[in-house]
Protein backbone atom coordinates (compact mmCIF):
# COMPACT_ATOMS: atom_id res chain seq x y z
CA MET A 1 1.45 1.67 -1.95
CA TRP A 2 1.91 -1.80 -0.53
CA LEU A 3 1.77 -5.39 -1.64
CA SER A 4 0.56 -8.33 0.39
CA GLU A 5 1.28 -11.90 -0.59
CA THR A 6 -0.71 -15.08 -0.11
CA THR A 7 0.96 -17.99 1.59
CA ARG A 8 -0.16 -21.45 2.59
CA GLU A 9 -0.43 -21.89 6.35
CA GLN A 10 1.97 -19.00 6.92
CA PRO A 11 1.29 -15.49 8.20
CA LYS A 12 0.45 -12.94 5.49
CA SER A 13 3.28 -10.50 4.74
CA LEU A 14 3.29 -6.79 3.94
CA TYR A 15 5.92 -5.18 1.70
CA LEU A 16 5.95 -1.38 1.69
CA ASN A 17 6.90 0.24 -1.62
CA ASN A 18 10.13 2.25 -1.23
CA GLY A 19 9.06 4.89 -3.80
CA THR A 20 11.89 4.22 -6.25
CA SER A 21 12.05 2.78 -9.77
CA ASN A 22 12.85 -0.57 -8.09
CA PRO A 23 9.92 -0.42 -5.62
CA PHE A 24 10.57 -3.55 -3.54
CA ASN A 25 14.39 -3.64 -3.67
CA GLY A 26 15.80 -4.14 -0.17
CA ILE A 27 12.33 -4.40 1.36
CA THR A 28 11.73 -6.96 4.10
CA GLY A 29 8.25 -8.36 4.56
CA LYS A 30 6.39 -7.69 7.78
CA ASP A 31 3.72 -10.07 9.07
CA VAL A 32 0.19 -8.67 8.87
CA THR A 33 -0.96 -11.19 11.48
CA SER A 34 0.23 -14.29 13.22
CA ASP A 35 -2.79 -16.19 11.82
CA ALA A 36 -1.53 -19.20 9.89
CA TYR A 37 -4.47 -19.88 7.56
CA ASN A 38 -4.23 -21.63 4.21
CA THR A 39 -4.83 -18.42 2.24
CA LEU A 40 -5.29 -18.72 -1.52
CA ALA A 41 -6.60 -15.24 -2.40
CA ILE A 42 -6.50 -11.69 -1.08
CA ALA A 43 -8.12 -8.36 -1.83
CA LEU A 44 -7.40 -4.86 -0.54
CA GLY A 45 -10.22 -2.34 -0.20
CA ASP A 46 -11.76 0.08 2.28
CA VAL A 47 -14.45 -2.22 3.69
CA ASP A 48 -15.16 -0.16 6.84
CA GLY A 49 -15.34 3.23 5.08
CA ASP A 50 -12.56 4.96 7.04
CA GLY A 51 -10.39 5.74 4.00
CA ASP A 52 -7.74 3.06 4.66
CA PRO A 53 -7.42 -0.15 2.62
CA ASP A 54 -8.34 -3.25 4.61
CA LEU A 55 -7.24 -6.81 3.84
CA VAL A 56 -9.67 -9.63 2.99
CA THR A 57 -8.33 -13.17 2.81
CA GLY A 58 -9.90 -16.13 1.02
CA ASN A 59 -8.94 -19.28 2.86
CA ASN A 60 -9.02 -22.92 1.85
CA LEU A 61 -11.46 -24.96 3.97
CA LEU A 62 -11.41 -22.33 6.73
CA SER A 63 -13.40 -19.18 7.42
CA ASN A 64 -12.54 -16.23 5.20
CA ARG A 65 -11.25 -13.27 7.21
CA VAL A 66 -11.00 -9.48 7.20
CA TYR A 67 -8.20 -7.44 8.78
CA LEU A 68 -9.15 -3.80 9.36
CA ASN A 69 -6.31 -1.33 8.75
CA ASN A 70 -5.51 0.68 11.90
CA GLY A 71 -4.75 3.87 9.91
CA THR A 72 -1.07 4.14 10.89
CA SER A 73 2.21 3.63 9.03
CA ASP A 74 2.15 0.08 10.48
CA PRO A 75 -1.37 -0.67 9.19
CA TRP A 76 -2.05 -4.03 10.79
CA ASN A 77 -0.03 -3.74 14.01
CA GLY A 78 -2.20 -5.07 16.82
CA VAL A 79 -5.04 -5.95 14.43
CA THR A 80 -6.84 -9.26 14.85
CA GLY A 81 -8.56 -10.90 11.91
CA LYS A 82 -12.30 -11.45 12.06
CA ASP A 83 -14.20 -14.26 10.37
CA ILE A 84 -16.42 -12.76 7.66
CA THR A 85 -19.05 -15.49 7.97
CA PRO A 86 -19.09 -18.93 9.61
CA ASP A 87 -19.08 -20.52 6.13
CA ILE A 88 -16.23 -22.93 5.41
CA ARG A 89 -15.29 -22.90 1.72
CA ALA A 90 -12.36 -23.74 -0.52
CA THR A 91 -12.12 -20.07 -1.50
CA GLN A 92 -9.75 -19.45 -4.40
CA SER A 93 -10.80 -15.96 -5.48
CA VAL A 94 -12.04 -12.83 -3.73
CA ALA A 95 -13.19 -9.56 -5.24
CA LEU A 96 -14.42 -6.29 -3.73
CA GLY A 97 -16.74 -3.86 -5.48
CA ASP A 98 -19.86 -1.79 -4.88
CA VAL A 99 -22.30 -4.28 -6.40
CA ASP A 100 -25.52 -2.71 -5.10
CA GLY A 101 -24.55 0.96 -5.60
CA ASP A 102 -24.88 1.96 -1.94
CA GLY A 103 -21.35 3.39 -1.67
CA ASP A 104 -19.72 0.59 0.30
CA LEU A 105 -17.69 -2.38 -0.88
CA ASP A 106 -19.35 -5.76 -1.24
CA LEU A 107 -17.45 -9.04 -1.30
CA SER A 108 -17.67 -11.86 -3.82
CA LEU A 109 -16.02 -15.24 -3.13
CA ALA A 110 -15.42 -18.03 -5.62
CA SER A 111 -14.70 -21.67 -4.93
CA PRO A 112 -14.43 -24.70 -7.21
CA THR A 113 -16.66 -26.71 -4.86
CA SER A 114 -19.54 -24.30 -4.27
CA PRO A 115 -21.51 -21.57 -6.03
CA ILE A 116 -20.26 -18.00 -6.07
CA ALA A 117 -21.23 -16.24 -2.84
CA CYS A 118 -21.74 -12.53 -2.33
CA THR A 119 -21.74 -10.97 1.13
């Protein structure tokens, strides 16, 4: 199990659970990417169907991005984020779920300045 945090204009960090009753004691964060986007929301889910959780970031006034897990113990090493769409939104919430029942995850984005978008 891991936890990723959102940060403003800082790289996203990964904290691997140490498997104890104090799961993040002594854990040092590891950058997921060197991207320094103004990220306000994140979601983890297997968006490419390979069995590994991928990271989706909702960014403020920038393109929202996806980081595909590489399937190793260092899940985002060497991974480059990809813009999900060219849309620029003030995204403050992201959610993943199989909305249309086809077996893959769909993405919903929410922003205070625009209608809810599903991709």
